[in-house]
């Protein structure tokens, strides 16, 4: 959609000074480890239906999107915790204890996957970068293009209302997209780990065999 509007996806992180970016990276790393630990401890609670967790993740994204960058910064830690919990649940389904010490490490490895979005401009396609971009300048520029057309077709009121609507749609849409993506990636990750444990073969060897089967021409 952004491409059709003639816009280029930009991340807010790339515009920050290097020193500030480094500090943000360190604080983000600590926050991720904390989210992984909280997600691990949450398995003591009764399990929830997958559709309920998916709906909650989308709802959080919508609330964060309505409020822009400030609200997104408050919403993202909760969403990340839910995503990590979901990843750990997949590990549990493959026989790995989500409360074990290596659960946080494995869930973060899956979360670190770049994501389902392709990027021709070299921008980071990871969840955090995409969520910030979807609530920041990229969305603002899209509104600048769309709102005047709506103003002509539907009146000024509709043009003003499109801002929270687009923000909510962007936040919920990105959260749903990455929830589905991490469901698939975690199935592959823990499936290979389970196979390695059952066969005694190294995980790296199994990964290479899987890639060779998926891309036989390479």
N, C-alpha and C. Protein backbone atom coordinates (compact mmCIF):
# COMPACT_ATOMS: atom_id res chain seq x y z
N UNK A 1 0.83 -1.20 0.00
CA UNK A 1 0.00 0.00 0.00
C UNK A 1 0.87 1.25 0.00
N UNK A 2 1.94 1.24 0.81
CA UNK A 2 2.84 2.39 0.83
C UNK A 2 3.49 2.60 -0.52
N UNK A 3 3.85 1.50 -1.17
CA UNK A 3 4.48 1.61 -2.48
C UNK A 3 3.54 2.22 -3.50
N UNK A 4 2.26 1.84 -3.46
CA UNK A 4 1.29 2.38 -4.40
C UNK A 4 1.09 3.88 -4.20
N UNK A 5 1.28 4.35 -2.96
CA UNK A 5 1.13 5.77 -2.67
C UNK A 5 2.41 6.55 -2.98
N UNK A 6 3.45 5.83 -3.42
CA UNK A 6 4.69 6.50 -3.75
C UNK A 6 5.51 6.89 -2.54
N UNK A 7 5.33 6.17 -1.42
CA UNK A 7 6.05 6.48 -0.20
C UNK A 7 7.14 5.44 0.03
N UNK A 8 8.18 5.85 0.75
CA UNK A 8 9.27 4.94 1.08
C UNK A 8 9.22 4.65 2.57
N UNK A 9 9.26 3.37 2.94
CA UNK A 9 9.21 3.00 4.35
C UNK A 9 10.48 3.49 5.05
N UNK A 10 10.31 4.24 6.13
CA UNK A 10 11.44 4.75 6.90
C UNK A 10 11.25 4.34 8.36
N UNK A 11 12.34 4.01 9.03
CA UNK A 11 12.27 3.67 10.45
C UNK A 11 12.74 4.86 11.27
N UNK A 12 12.09 5.06 12.40
CA UNK A 12 12.48 6.15 13.30
C UNK A 12 13.85 5.91 13.88
N UNK A 13 14.23 4.66 14.09
CA UNK A 13 15.51 4.36 14.71
C UNK A 13 16.68 4.85 13.86
N UNK A 14 16.55 4.77 12.54
CA UNK A 14 17.64 5.18 11.66
C UNK A 14 17.91 6.66 11.73
N UNK A 15 16.96 7.45 12.20
CA UNK A 15 17.11 8.90 12.23
C UNK A 15 17.73 9.39 13.54
N UNK A 16 17.88 8.49 14.52
CA UNK A 16 18.44 8.89 15.81
C UNK A 16 19.95 9.01 15.73
N UNK A 17 20.57 9.89 16.57
CA UNK A 17 22.03 9.95 16.63
C UNK A 17 22.61 8.61 17.06
N UNK A 18 23.85 8.34 16.65
CA UNK A 18 24.46 7.03 16.92
C UNK A 18 24.54 6.74 18.42
N UNK A 19 24.92 7.76 19.22
CA UNK A 19 25.04 7.55 20.67
C UNK A 19 23.70 7.20 21.29
N UNK A 20 22.65 7.89 20.87
CA UNK A 20 21.32 7.62 21.41
C UNK A 20 20.82 6.25 20.94
N UNK A 21 21.15 5.91 19.70
CA UNK A 21 20.75 4.62 19.16
C UNK A 21 21.40 3.48 19.94
N UNK A 22 22.68 3.66 20.31
CA UNK A 22 23.40 2.64 21.06
C UNK A 22 22.78 2.44 22.44
N UNK A 23 22.45 3.57 23.10
CA UNK A 23 21.80 3.47 24.40
C UNK A 23 20.44 2.80 24.32
N UNK A 24 19.72 3.11 23.25
CA UNK A 24 18.41 2.50 23.06
C UNK A 24 18.53 1.00 22.81
N UNK A 25 19.57 0.61 22.07
CA UNK A 25 19.78 -0.81 21.80
C UNK A 25 20.05 -1.58 23.10
N UNK A 26 20.87 -0.99 23.98
CA UNK A 26 21.19 -1.66 25.24
C UNK A 26 19.95 -1.78 26.13
N UNK A 27 19.17 -0.70 26.22
CA UNK A 27 17.97 -0.75 27.05
C UNK A 27 16.95 -1.70 26.46
N UNK A 28 16.89 -1.77 25.11
CA UNK A 28 15.96 -2.69 24.46
C UNK A 28 16.35 -4.14 24.74
N UNK A 29 17.66 -4.41 24.75
CA UNK A 29 18.13 -5.77 25.03
C UNK A 29 17.74 -6.19 26.44
N UNK A 30 17.92 -5.28 27.41
CA UNK A 30 17.52 -5.60 28.79
C UNK A 30 16.01 -5.81 28.87
N UNK A 31 15.26 -4.99 28.16
CA UNK A 31 13.80 -5.11 28.18
C UNK A 31 13.34 -6.44 27.57
N UNK A 32 14.03 -6.87 26.50
CA UNK A 32 13.68 -8.13 25.86
C UNK A 32 13.92 -9.31 26.79
N UNK A 33 15.06 -9.30 27.50
CA UNK A 33 15.33 -10.39 28.43
C UNK A 33 14.30 -10.39 29.55
N UNK A 34 13.90 -9.20 30.01
CA UNK A 34 12.88 -9.12 31.05
C UNK A 34 11.54 -9.66 30.54
N UNK A 35 11.19 -9.29 29.29
CA UNK A 35 9.94 -9.78 28.72
C UNK A 35 9.96 -11.30 28.58
N UNK A 36 11.13 -11.86 28.20
CA UNK A 36 11.23 -13.30 28.07
C UNK A 36 11.06 -13.99 29.41
N UNK A 37 11.60 -13.39 30.48
CA UNK A 37 11.45 -13.99 31.81
C UNK A 37 10.01 -13.89 32.29
N UNK A 38 9.37 -12.73 32.04
CA UNK A 38 7.97 -12.58 32.43
C UNK A 38 7.09 -13.59 31.68
N UNK A 39 7.36 -13.75 30.38
CA UNK A 39 6.61 -14.72 29.59
C UNK A 39 6.80 -16.12 30.14
N UNK A 40 8.02 -16.44 30.57
CA UNK A 40 8.30 -17.77 31.12
C UNK A 40 7.53 -17.99 32.42
N UNK A 41 7.51 -16.96 33.27
CA UNK A 41 6.78 -17.09 34.53
C UNK A 41 5.27 -17.16 34.32
N UNK A 42 4.78 -16.59 33.21
CA UNK A 42 3.33 -16.56 32.97
C UNK A 42 2.76 -17.95 32.70
N UNK A 43 3.63 -18.93 32.43
CA UNK A 43 3.13 -20.28 32.15
C UNK A 43 2.58 -20.96 33.40
N UNK A 44 2.78 -20.34 34.56
CA UNK A 44 2.17 -20.86 35.77
C UNK A 44 0.67 -20.60 35.78
N UNK A 45 0.22 -19.65 34.97
CA UNK A 45 -1.21 -19.35 34.88
C UNK A 45 -1.88 -20.36 33.96
N UNK A 46 -3.20 -20.51 34.08
CA UNK A 46 -3.91 -21.44 33.20
C UNK A 46 -3.76 -21.01 31.74
N UNK A 47 -3.57 -21.96 30.82
CA UNK A 47 -3.43 -21.61 29.40
C UNK A 47 -4.71 -21.01 28.84
N UNK A 48 -4.54 -20.07 27.91
CA UNK A 48 -5.66 -19.41 27.26
C UNK A 48 -5.80 -19.92 25.83
N UNK A 49 -7.03 -19.89 25.28
CA UNK A 49 -7.19 -20.30 23.87
C UNK A 49 -6.34 -19.43 22.95
N UNK A 50 -5.86 -20.04 21.88
CA UNK A 50 -5.00 -19.31 20.95
C UNK A 50 -5.74 -18.12 20.34
N UNK A 51 -7.03 -18.29 20.04
CA UNK A 51 -7.77 -17.19 19.42
C UNK A 51 -7.88 -16.01 20.38
N UNK A 52 -7.97 -16.29 21.70
CA UNK A 52 -8.05 -15.21 22.68
C UNK A 52 -6.73 -14.44 22.73
N UNK A 53 -5.61 -15.17 22.70
CA UNK A 53 -4.31 -14.50 22.70
C UNK A 53 -4.10 -13.68 21.43
N UNK A 54 -4.54 -14.25 20.30
CA UNK A 54 -4.42 -13.52 19.04
C UNK A 54 -5.24 -12.24 19.07
N UNK A 55 -6.47 -12.34 19.58
CA UNK A 55 -7.32 -11.16 19.68
C UNK A 55 -6.74 -10.10 20.60
N UNK A 56 -6.15 -10.54 21.72
CA UNK A 56 -5.54 -9.60 22.65
C UNK A 56 -4.34 -8.90 22.02
N UNK A 57 -3.53 -9.65 21.29
CA UNK A 57 -2.37 -9.05 20.61
C UNK A 57 -2.81 -8.01 19.59
N UNK A 58 -3.85 -8.34 18.80
CA UNK A 58 -4.35 -7.39 17.81
C UNK A 58 -4.95 -6.17 18.49
N UNK A 59 -5.68 -6.39 19.60
CA UNK A 59 -6.28 -5.28 20.32
C UNK A 59 -5.24 -4.33 20.89
N UNK A 60 -4.15 -4.88 21.41
CA UNK A 60 -3.07 -4.04 21.93
C UNK A 60 -2.46 -3.21 20.80
N UNK A 61 -2.27 -3.85 19.64
CA UNK A 61 -1.72 -3.11 18.50
C UNK A 61 -2.62 -1.98 18.06
N UNK A 62 -3.93 -2.22 18.07
CA UNK A 62 -4.87 -1.18 17.68
C UNK A 62 -4.83 -0.01 18.66
N UNK A 63 -4.78 -0.31 19.96
CA UNK A 63 -4.72 0.76 20.96
C UNK A 63 -3.43 1.56 20.83
N UNK A 64 -2.31 0.86 20.59
CA UNK A 64 -1.05 1.57 20.42
C UNK A 64 -1.04 2.40 19.16
N UNK A 65 -1.65 1.87 18.08
CA UNK A 65 -1.67 2.61 16.82
C UNK A 65 -2.48 3.88 16.88
N UNK A 66 -3.57 3.88 17.64
CA UNK A 66 -4.41 5.07 17.76
C UNK A 66 -3.63 6.23 18.36
N UNK A 67 -2.77 5.92 19.35
CA UNK A 67 -2.06 6.98 20.06
C UNK A 67 -0.74 7.36 19.47
N UNK A 68 -0.32 6.73 18.37
CA UNK A 68 0.94 7.09 17.72
C UNK A 68 2.14 6.53 18.47
N UNK A 69 3.29 7.20 18.29
CA UNK A 69 4.56 6.69 18.82
C UNK A 69 4.53 6.57 20.34
N UNK A 70 3.97 7.55 21.04
CA UNK A 70 3.97 7.52 22.49
C UNK A 70 3.19 6.31 23.02
N UNK A 71 2.00 6.11 22.49
CA UNK A 71 1.20 4.96 22.92
C UNK A 71 1.83 3.65 22.50
N UNK A 72 2.44 3.62 21.32
CA UNK A 72 3.10 2.41 20.85
C UNK A 72 4.25 2.02 21.77
N UNK A 73 5.02 3.00 22.23
CA UNK A 73 6.14 2.72 23.13
C UNK A 73 5.65 2.08 24.43
N UNK A 74 4.44 2.42 24.86
CA UNK A 74 3.87 1.82 26.06
C UNK A 74 3.26 0.45 25.77
N UNK A 75 2.77 0.27 24.56
CA UNK A 75 2.09 -0.99 24.20
C UNK A 75 3.04 -2.10 23.81
N UNK A 76 4.17 -1.76 23.18
CA UNK A 76 5.07 -2.76 22.63
C UNK A 76 5.59 -3.75 23.68
N UNK A 77 6.01 -3.32 24.90
CA UNK A 77 6.50 -4.31 25.87
C UNK A 77 5.47 -5.40 26.18
N UNK A 78 4.20 -5.02 26.31
CA UNK A 78 3.16 -6.01 26.58
C UNK A 78 2.99 -6.94 25.39
N UNK A 79 3.02 -6.39 24.18
CA UNK A 79 2.88 -7.22 22.98
C UNK A 79 4.05 -8.18 22.83
N UNK A 80 5.27 -7.69 23.07
CA UNK A 80 6.46 -8.54 22.97
C UNK A 80 6.37 -9.70 23.96
N UNK A 81 5.92 -9.41 25.18
CA UNK A 81 5.77 -10.46 26.19
C UNK A 81 4.77 -11.52 25.72
N UNK A 82 3.66 -11.08 25.14
CA UNK A 82 2.67 -12.04 24.63
C UNK A 82 3.24 -12.87 23.48
N UNK A 83 4.00 -12.24 22.59
CA UNK A 83 4.59 -12.98 21.48
C UNK A 83 5.60 -14.01 21.99
N UNK A 84 6.42 -13.62 22.96
CA UNK A 84 7.40 -14.55 23.51
C UNK A 84 6.71 -15.70 24.24
N UNK A 85 5.64 -15.41 24.94
CA UNK A 85 4.87 -16.46 25.60
C UNK A 85 4.32 -17.44 24.57
N UNK A 86 3.84 -16.91 23.48
CA UNK A 86 3.28 -17.75 22.42
C UNK A 86 4.36 -18.65 21.81
N UNK A 87 5.54 -18.09 21.60
CA UNK A 87 6.66 -18.86 21.07
C UNK A 87 7.04 -19.98 22.04
N UNK A 88 7.09 -19.65 23.33
CA UNK A 88 7.43 -20.65 24.34
C UNK A 88 6.37 -21.75 24.41
N UNK A 89 5.11 -21.42 24.16
CA UNK A 89 4.06 -22.43 24.16
C UNK A 89 4.27 -23.45 23.04
N UNK A 90 4.76 -22.96 21.89
CA UNK A 90 5.07 -23.88 20.80
C UNK A 90 6.19 -24.83 21.23
N UNK A 91 7.20 -24.29 21.92
CA UNK A 91 8.26 -25.13 22.43
C UNK A 91 7.74 -26.18 23.40
N UNK A 92 6.79 -25.79 24.25
CA UNK A 92 6.19 -26.74 25.19
C UNK A 92 5.45 -27.85 24.46
N UNK A 93 4.79 -27.50 23.34
CA UNK A 93 4.07 -28.51 22.56
C UNK A 93 5.03 -29.53 21.95
N UNK A 94 6.31 -29.15 21.78
CA UNK A 94 7.32 -30.07 21.24
C UNK A 94 8.10 -30.76 22.36
N UNK A 95 7.66 -30.58 23.59
CA UNK A 95 8.28 -31.30 24.70
C UNK A 95 9.34 -30.54 25.46
N UNK A 96 9.48 -29.23 25.23
CA UNK A 96 10.48 -28.43 25.92
C UNK A 96 9.81 -27.62 27.03
N UNK A 97 10.37 -27.66 28.22
CA UNK A 97 9.79 -26.97 29.37
C UNK A 97 9.93 -25.46 29.18
N UNK A 98 8.82 -24.72 29.10
CA UNK A 98 8.92 -23.26 28.90
C UNK A 98 9.51 -22.53 30.09
N UNK A 99 9.58 -23.21 31.25
CA UNK A 99 10.16 -22.57 32.43
C UNK A 99 11.63 -22.92 32.63
N UNK A 100 12.20 -23.68 31.70
CA UNK A 100 13.62 -24.02 31.79
C UNK A 100 14.48 -22.80 31.48
N UNK A 101 15.75 -22.86 31.89
CA UNK A 101 16.64 -21.70 31.73
C UNK A 101 16.86 -21.33 30.27
N UNK A 102 16.83 -22.33 29.38
CA UNK A 102 17.09 -22.02 27.97
C UNK A 102 15.84 -21.58 27.22
N UNK A 103 14.68 -21.54 27.91
CA UNK A 103 13.45 -21.14 27.24
C UNK A 103 13.52 -19.69 26.76
N UNK A 104 14.06 -18.81 27.61
CA UNK A 104 14.17 -17.41 27.24
C UNK A 104 15.09 -17.24 26.03
N UNK A 105 16.19 -17.98 26.03
CA UNK A 105 17.15 -17.87 24.91
C UNK A 105 16.51 -18.31 23.61
N UNK A 106 15.83 -19.46 23.63
CA UNK A 106 15.23 -19.97 22.40
C UNK A 106 14.11 -19.07 21.89
N UNK A 107 13.30 -18.55 22.81
CA UNK A 107 12.21 -17.68 22.39
C UNK A 107 12.75 -16.39 21.77
N UNK A 108 13.86 -15.88 22.30
CA UNK A 108 14.46 -14.67 21.74
C UNK A 108 15.09 -14.95 20.37
N UNK A 109 15.62 -16.16 20.19
CA UNK A 109 16.18 -16.53 18.87
C UNK A 109 15.09 -16.49 17.81
N UNK A 110 13.92 -17.02 18.15
CA UNK A 110 12.81 -16.99 17.19
C UNK A 110 12.34 -15.56 16.97
N UNK A 111 12.23 -14.80 18.05
CA UNK A 111 11.77 -13.41 17.95
C UNK A 111 12.72 -12.56 17.12
N UNK A 112 14.00 -12.92 17.12
CA UNK A 112 15.00 -12.14 16.38
C UNK A 112 14.91 -12.34 14.88
N UNK A 113 14.07 -13.29 14.42
CA UNK A 113 13.90 -13.47 12.99
C UNK A 113 13.40 -12.17 12.37
N UNK A 114 13.90 -11.87 11.16
CA UNK A 114 13.63 -10.55 10.56
C UNK A 114 12.15 -10.30 10.32
N UNK A 115 11.37 -11.35 10.06
CA UNK A 115 9.94 -11.14 9.90
C UNK A 115 9.45 -11.43 8.50
N UNK A 116 8.14 -11.35 8.29
CA UNK A 116 7.53 -11.74 7.02
C UNK A 116 7.54 -10.65 5.95
N UNK A 117 7.95 -9.45 6.30
CA UNK A 117 7.90 -8.34 5.34
C UNK A 117 9.22 -8.24 4.59
N UNK A 118 9.16 -8.01 3.29
CA UNK A 118 10.35 -7.77 2.49
C UNK A 118 10.60 -6.28 2.40
N UNK A 119 11.85 -5.91 2.32
CA UNK A 119 12.20 -4.49 2.29
C UNK A 119 13.23 -4.24 1.20
N UNK A 120 12.86 -3.44 0.21
CA UNK A 120 13.77 -3.12 -0.89
C UNK A 120 14.72 -1.99 -0.55
N UNK A 121 14.42 -1.23 0.52
CA UNK A 121 15.27 -0.09 0.85
C UNK A 121 16.25 -0.40 1.97
N UNK A 122 16.38 -1.68 2.34
CA UNK A 122 17.36 -2.05 3.35
C UNK A 122 16.92 -1.78 4.77
N UNK A 123 15.68 -1.35 4.98
CA UNK A 123 15.21 -1.06 6.33
C UNK A 123 15.01 -2.36 7.10
N UNK A 124 15.17 -2.28 8.41
CA UNK A 124 15.00 -3.44 9.27
C UNK A 124 13.54 -3.88 9.25
N UNK A 125 13.31 -5.18 8.96
CA UNK A 125 11.95 -5.71 8.91
C UNK A 125 11.56 -6.43 10.19
N UNK A 126 12.36 -6.26 11.27
CA UNK A 126 12.02 -6.86 12.55
C UNK A 126 10.77 -6.23 13.14
N UNK A 127 10.15 -6.94 14.07
CA UNK A 127 8.87 -6.51 14.63
C UNK A 127 8.94 -5.11 15.23
N UNK A 128 9.94 -4.84 16.05
CA UNK A 128 10.00 -3.55 16.74
C UNK A 128 10.12 -2.39 15.76
N UNK A 129 10.99 -2.54 14.77
CA UNK A 129 11.18 -1.47 13.80
C UNK A 129 9.92 -1.22 12.98
N UNK A 130 9.26 -2.31 12.57
CA UNK A 130 8.05 -2.16 11.77
C UNK A 130 6.93 -1.51 12.58
N UNK A 131 6.80 -1.91 13.86
CA UNK A 131 5.74 -1.32 14.69
C UNK A 131 5.96 0.17 14.89
N UNK A 132 7.23 0.57 15.12
CA UNK A 132 7.51 1.99 15.30
C UNK A 132 7.27 2.76 14.01
N UNK A 133 7.68 2.17 12.90
CA UNK A 133 7.49 2.85 11.62
C UNK A 133 6.01 2.98 11.28
N UNK A 134 5.22 1.95 11.61
CA UNK A 134 3.79 1.96 11.30
C UNK A 134 3.03 2.96 12.16
N UNK A 135 3.64 3.43 13.24
CA UNK A 135 2.97 4.40 14.09
C UNK A 135 3.64 5.77 14.02
N UNK A 136 4.64 5.90 13.19
CA UNK A 136 5.41 7.14 13.14
C UNK A 136 5.26 7.90 11.84
N UNK A 137 6.38 8.32 11.29
CA UNK A 137 6.37 9.23 10.15
C UNK A 137 5.76 8.60 8.91
N UNK A 138 5.99 7.28 8.71
CA UNK A 138 5.44 6.63 7.53
C UNK A 138 3.93 6.74 7.51
N UNK A 139 3.29 6.47 8.65
CA UNK A 139 1.84 6.57 8.74
C UNK A 139 1.39 8.02 8.57
N UNK A 140 2.14 8.95 9.16
CA UNK A 140 1.79 10.35 9.05
C UNK A 140 1.82 10.82 7.60
N UNK A 141 2.83 10.38 6.85
CA UNK A 141 2.93 10.75 5.45
C UNK A 141 1.81 10.13 4.63
N UNK A 142 1.43 8.91 4.99
CA UNK A 142 0.34 8.26 4.28
C UNK A 142 -0.97 9.02 4.51
N UNK A 143 -1.18 9.48 5.74
CA UNK A 143 -2.37 10.27 6.04
C UNK A 143 -2.39 11.55 5.22
N UNK A 144 -1.22 12.16 5.05
CA UNK A 144 -1.14 13.39 4.27
C UNK A 144 -1.60 13.18 2.83
N UNK A 145 -1.35 11.97 2.31
CA UNK A 145 -1.74 11.67 0.94
C UNK A 145 -3.22 11.31 0.86
N UNK A 146 -3.67 10.50 1.83
CA UNK A 146 -5.03 9.96 1.76
C UNK A 146 -6.08 10.97 2.21
N UNK A 147 -5.79 11.72 3.27
CA UNK A 147 -6.80 12.58 3.87
C UNK A 147 -7.40 13.60 2.90
N UNK A 148 -6.60 14.30 2.08
CA UNK A 148 -7.22 15.27 1.16
C UNK A 148 -8.21 14.63 0.19
N UNK A 149 -7.92 13.40 -0.24
CA UNK A 149 -8.83 12.72 -1.17
C UNK A 149 -10.14 12.38 -0.47
N UNK A 150 -10.02 11.96 0.79
CA UNK A 150 -11.23 11.67 1.55
C UNK A 150 -12.03 12.94 1.83
N UNK A 151 -11.32 14.04 2.03
CA UNK A 151 -12.00 15.29 2.31
C UNK A 151 -12.91 15.70 1.16
N UNK A 152 -12.44 15.45 -0.05
CA UNK A 152 -13.25 15.77 -1.23
C UNK A 152 -14.44 14.82 -1.35
N UNK A 153 -14.17 13.54 -1.11
CA UNK A 153 -15.21 12.52 -1.34
C UNK A 153 -16.21 12.43 -0.20
N UNK A 154 -15.76 12.62 1.03
CA UNK A 154 -16.62 12.32 2.19
C UNK A 154 -16.75 13.47 3.18
N UNK A 155 -16.02 14.53 2.95
CA UNK A 155 -16.13 15.65 3.87
C UNK A 155 -14.97 15.71 4.84
N UNK A 156 -14.79 16.87 5.47
CA UNK A 156 -13.66 17.09 6.36
C UNK A 156 -13.68 16.18 7.58
N UNK A 157 -14.85 15.88 8.09
CA UNK A 157 -14.96 15.04 9.28
C UNK A 157 -14.35 13.66 9.03
N UNK A 158 -14.64 13.11 7.88
CA UNK A 158 -14.09 11.79 7.55
C UNK A 158 -12.58 11.86 7.40
N UNK A 159 -12.08 12.95 6.86
CA UNK A 159 -10.63 13.10 6.69
C UNK A 159 -9.93 13.15 8.04
N UNK A 160 -10.55 13.80 9.02
CA UNK A 160 -9.96 13.85 10.36
C UNK A 160 -10.04 12.49 11.05
N UNK A 161 -11.12 11.77 10.85
CA UNK A 161 -11.30 10.49 11.51
C UNK A 161 -10.36 9.41 10.96
N UNK A 162 -9.83 9.61 9.77
CA UNK A 162 -8.98 8.58 9.17
C UNK A 162 -7.69 8.40 9.96
N UNK A 163 -7.24 9.39 10.71
CA UNK A 163 -5.97 9.30 11.43
C UNK A 163 -6.00 8.18 12.47
N UNK A 164 -6.94 8.20 13.44
CA UNK A 164 -6.97 7.09 14.39
C UNK A 164 -7.35 5.77 13.74
N UNK A 165 -8.17 5.80 12.70
CA UNK A 165 -8.56 4.57 12.02
C UNK A 165 -7.35 3.90 11.39
N UNK A 166 -6.54 4.68 10.65
CA UNK A 166 -5.34 4.12 10.04
C UNK A 166 -4.35 3.65 11.09
N UNK A 167 -4.20 4.41 12.16
CA UNK A 167 -3.28 4.03 13.22
C UNK A 167 -3.68 2.70 13.85
N UNK A 168 -4.97 2.55 14.14
CA UNK A 168 -5.46 1.30 14.74
C UNK A 168 -5.28 0.14 13.78
N UNK A 169 -5.61 0.36 12.50
CA UNK A 169 -5.47 -0.70 11.51
C UNK A 169 -4.01 -1.11 11.33
N UNK A 170 -3.12 -0.13 11.31
CA UNK A 170 -1.70 -0.45 11.16
C UNK A 170 -1.18 -1.23 12.35
N UNK A 171 -1.52 -0.79 13.55
CA UNK A 171 -1.05 -1.47 14.76
C UNK A 171 -1.58 -2.89 14.85
N UNK A 172 -2.88 -3.05 14.65
CA UNK A 172 -3.49 -4.38 14.73
C UNK A 172 -2.98 -5.28 13.61
N UNK A 173 -2.86 -4.73 12.40
CA UNK A 173 -2.43 -5.52 11.26
C UNK A 173 -1.01 -6.04 11.42
N UNK A 174 -0.09 -5.18 11.86
CA UNK A 174 1.29 -5.61 12.05
C UNK A 174 1.37 -6.68 13.14
N UNK A 175 0.65 -6.48 14.24
CA UNK A 175 0.67 -7.46 15.32
C UNK A 175 0.14 -8.82 14.86
N UNK A 176 -0.94 -8.82 14.10
CA UNK A 176 -1.49 -10.08 13.59
C UNK A 176 -0.52 -10.75 12.62
N UNK A 177 0.09 -9.96 11.76
CA UNK A 177 1.02 -10.50 10.77
C UNK A 177 2.20 -11.18 11.45
N UNK A 178 2.77 -10.51 12.45
CA UNK A 178 3.94 -11.08 13.12
C UNK A 178 3.56 -12.22 14.06
N UNK A 179 2.36 -12.19 14.62
CA UNK A 179 1.91 -13.32 15.43
C UNK A 179 1.87 -14.58 14.59
N UNK A 180 1.29 -14.49 13.40
CA UNK A 180 1.24 -15.63 12.50
C UNK A 180 2.63 -16.07 12.07
N UNK A 181 3.49 -15.10 11.79
CA UNK A 181 4.86 -15.41 11.36
C UNK A 181 5.61 -16.17 12.46
N UNK A 182 5.55 -15.67 13.70
CA UNK A 182 6.27 -16.33 14.78
C UNK A 182 5.69 -17.70 15.10
N UNK A 183 4.40 -17.89 14.89
CA UNK A 183 3.81 -19.22 15.04
C UNK A 183 4.51 -20.23 14.12
N UNK A 184 4.72 -19.81 12.87
CA UNK A 184 5.33 -20.71 11.88
C UNK A 184 6.81 -20.92 12.18
N UNK A 185 7.54 -19.83 12.43
CA UNK A 185 8.98 -19.93 12.67
C UNK A 185 9.27 -20.75 13.92
N UNK A 186 8.48 -20.56 14.97
CA UNK A 186 8.71 -21.32 16.20
C UNK A 186 8.42 -22.80 16.00
N UNK A 187 7.44 -23.14 15.15
CA UNK A 187 7.18 -24.54 14.84
C UNK A 187 8.40 -25.17 14.18
N UNK A 188 9.02 -24.46 13.25
CA UNK A 188 10.22 -24.97 12.58
C UNK A 188 11.39 -25.07 13.56
N UNK A 189 11.59 -24.02 14.35
CA UNK A 189 12.72 -23.97 15.28
C UNK A 189 12.67 -25.12 16.29
N UNK A 190 11.54 -25.24 16.98
CA UNK A 190 11.44 -26.27 18.02
C UNK A 190 11.24 -27.66 17.41
N UNK A 191 10.66 -27.72 16.21
CA UNK A 191 10.55 -29.00 15.53
C UNK A 191 11.92 -29.57 15.20
N UNK A 192 12.84 -28.72 14.73
CA UNK A 192 14.21 -29.17 14.44
C UNK A 192 14.95 -29.54 15.72
N UNK A 193 14.73 -28.79 16.78
CA UNK A 193 15.36 -29.13 18.06
C UNK A 193 14.87 -30.48 18.57
N UNK A 194 13.58 -30.74 18.43
CA UNK A 194 13.02 -32.02 18.86
C UNK A 194 13.60 -33.17 18.03
N UNK A 195 13.70 -32.93 16.72
CA UNK A 195 14.26 -33.95 15.83
C UNK A 195 15.73 -34.21 16.15
N UNK A 196 16.47 -33.16 16.48
CA UNK A 196 17.87 -33.31 16.85
C UNK A 196 18.01 -34.13 18.14
N UNK A 197 17.13 -33.87 19.10
CA UNK A 197 17.17 -34.61 20.36
C UNK A 197 16.81 -36.08 20.15
N UNK A 198 15.88 -36.34 19.23
CA UNK A 198 15.43 -37.72 19.01
C UNK A 198 16.42 -38.53 18.17
N UNK A 199 17.13 -37.87 17.24
CA UNK A 199 18.00 -38.59 16.31
C UNK A 199 19.48 -38.50 16.68
N UNK A 200 19.83 -37.51 17.51
CA UNK A 200 21.23 -37.31 17.84
C UNK A 200 22.00 -36.53 16.79
N UNK A 201 21.32 -36.08 15.74
CA UNK A 201 21.98 -35.29 14.70
C UNK A 201 22.09 -33.84 15.14
N UNK A 202 23.15 -33.12 14.74
CA UNK A 202 23.28 -31.70 15.09
C UNK A 202 22.17 -30.86 14.45
N UNK A 203 21.72 -29.85 15.17
CA UNK A 203 20.66 -28.98 14.65
C UNK A 203 21.11 -28.29 13.37
N UNK A 204 22.38 -27.88 13.32
CA UNK A 204 22.90 -27.19 12.13
C UNK A 204 22.78 -28.09 10.90
N UNK A 205 23.07 -29.38 11.08
CA UNK A 205 22.96 -30.31 9.96
C UNK A 205 21.52 -30.46 9.50
N UNK A 206 20.58 -30.51 10.45
CA UNK A 206 19.17 -30.63 10.10
C UNK A 206 18.67 -29.36 9.41
N UNK A 207 19.14 -28.21 9.87
CA UNK A 207 18.75 -26.95 9.22
C UNK A 207 19.24 -26.92 7.77
N UNK A 208 20.47 -27.37 7.54
CA UNK A 208 21.01 -27.39 6.19
C UNK A 208 20.22 -28.34 5.30
N UNK A 209 19.83 -29.50 5.85
CA UNK A 209 19.04 -30.45 5.08
C UNK A 209 17.67 -29.89 4.72
N UNK A 210 17.06 -29.16 5.69
CA UNK A 210 15.76 -28.55 5.43
C UNK A 210 15.86 -27.49 4.34
N UNK A 211 16.87 -26.63 4.42
CA UNK A 211 17.05 -25.59 3.40
C UNK A 211 17.32 -26.19 2.03
N UNK A 212 18.08 -27.29 2.01
CA UNK A 212 18.37 -27.95 0.74
C UNK A 212 17.11 -28.53 0.12
N UNK A 213 16.22 -29.05 0.96
CA UNK A 213 14.96 -29.60 0.44
C UNK A 213 14.02 -28.49 -0.02
N UNK A 214 14.03 -27.35 0.71
CA UNK A 214 13.16 -26.24 0.33
C UNK A 214 13.66 -25.55 -0.94
N UNK A 215 14.99 -25.49 -1.12
CA UNK A 215 15.58 -24.80 -2.27
C UNK A 215 16.56 -25.75 -2.95
N UNK A 216 16.08 -26.76 -3.66
CA UNK A 216 16.97 -27.76 -4.26
C UNK A 216 17.92 -27.20 -5.30
N UNK A 217 17.59 -26.06 -5.89
CA UNK A 217 18.44 -25.51 -6.96
C UNK A 217 19.66 -24.80 -6.42
N UNK A 218 19.64 -24.49 -5.09
CA UNK A 218 20.77 -23.74 -4.54
C UNK A 218 21.94 -24.67 -4.19
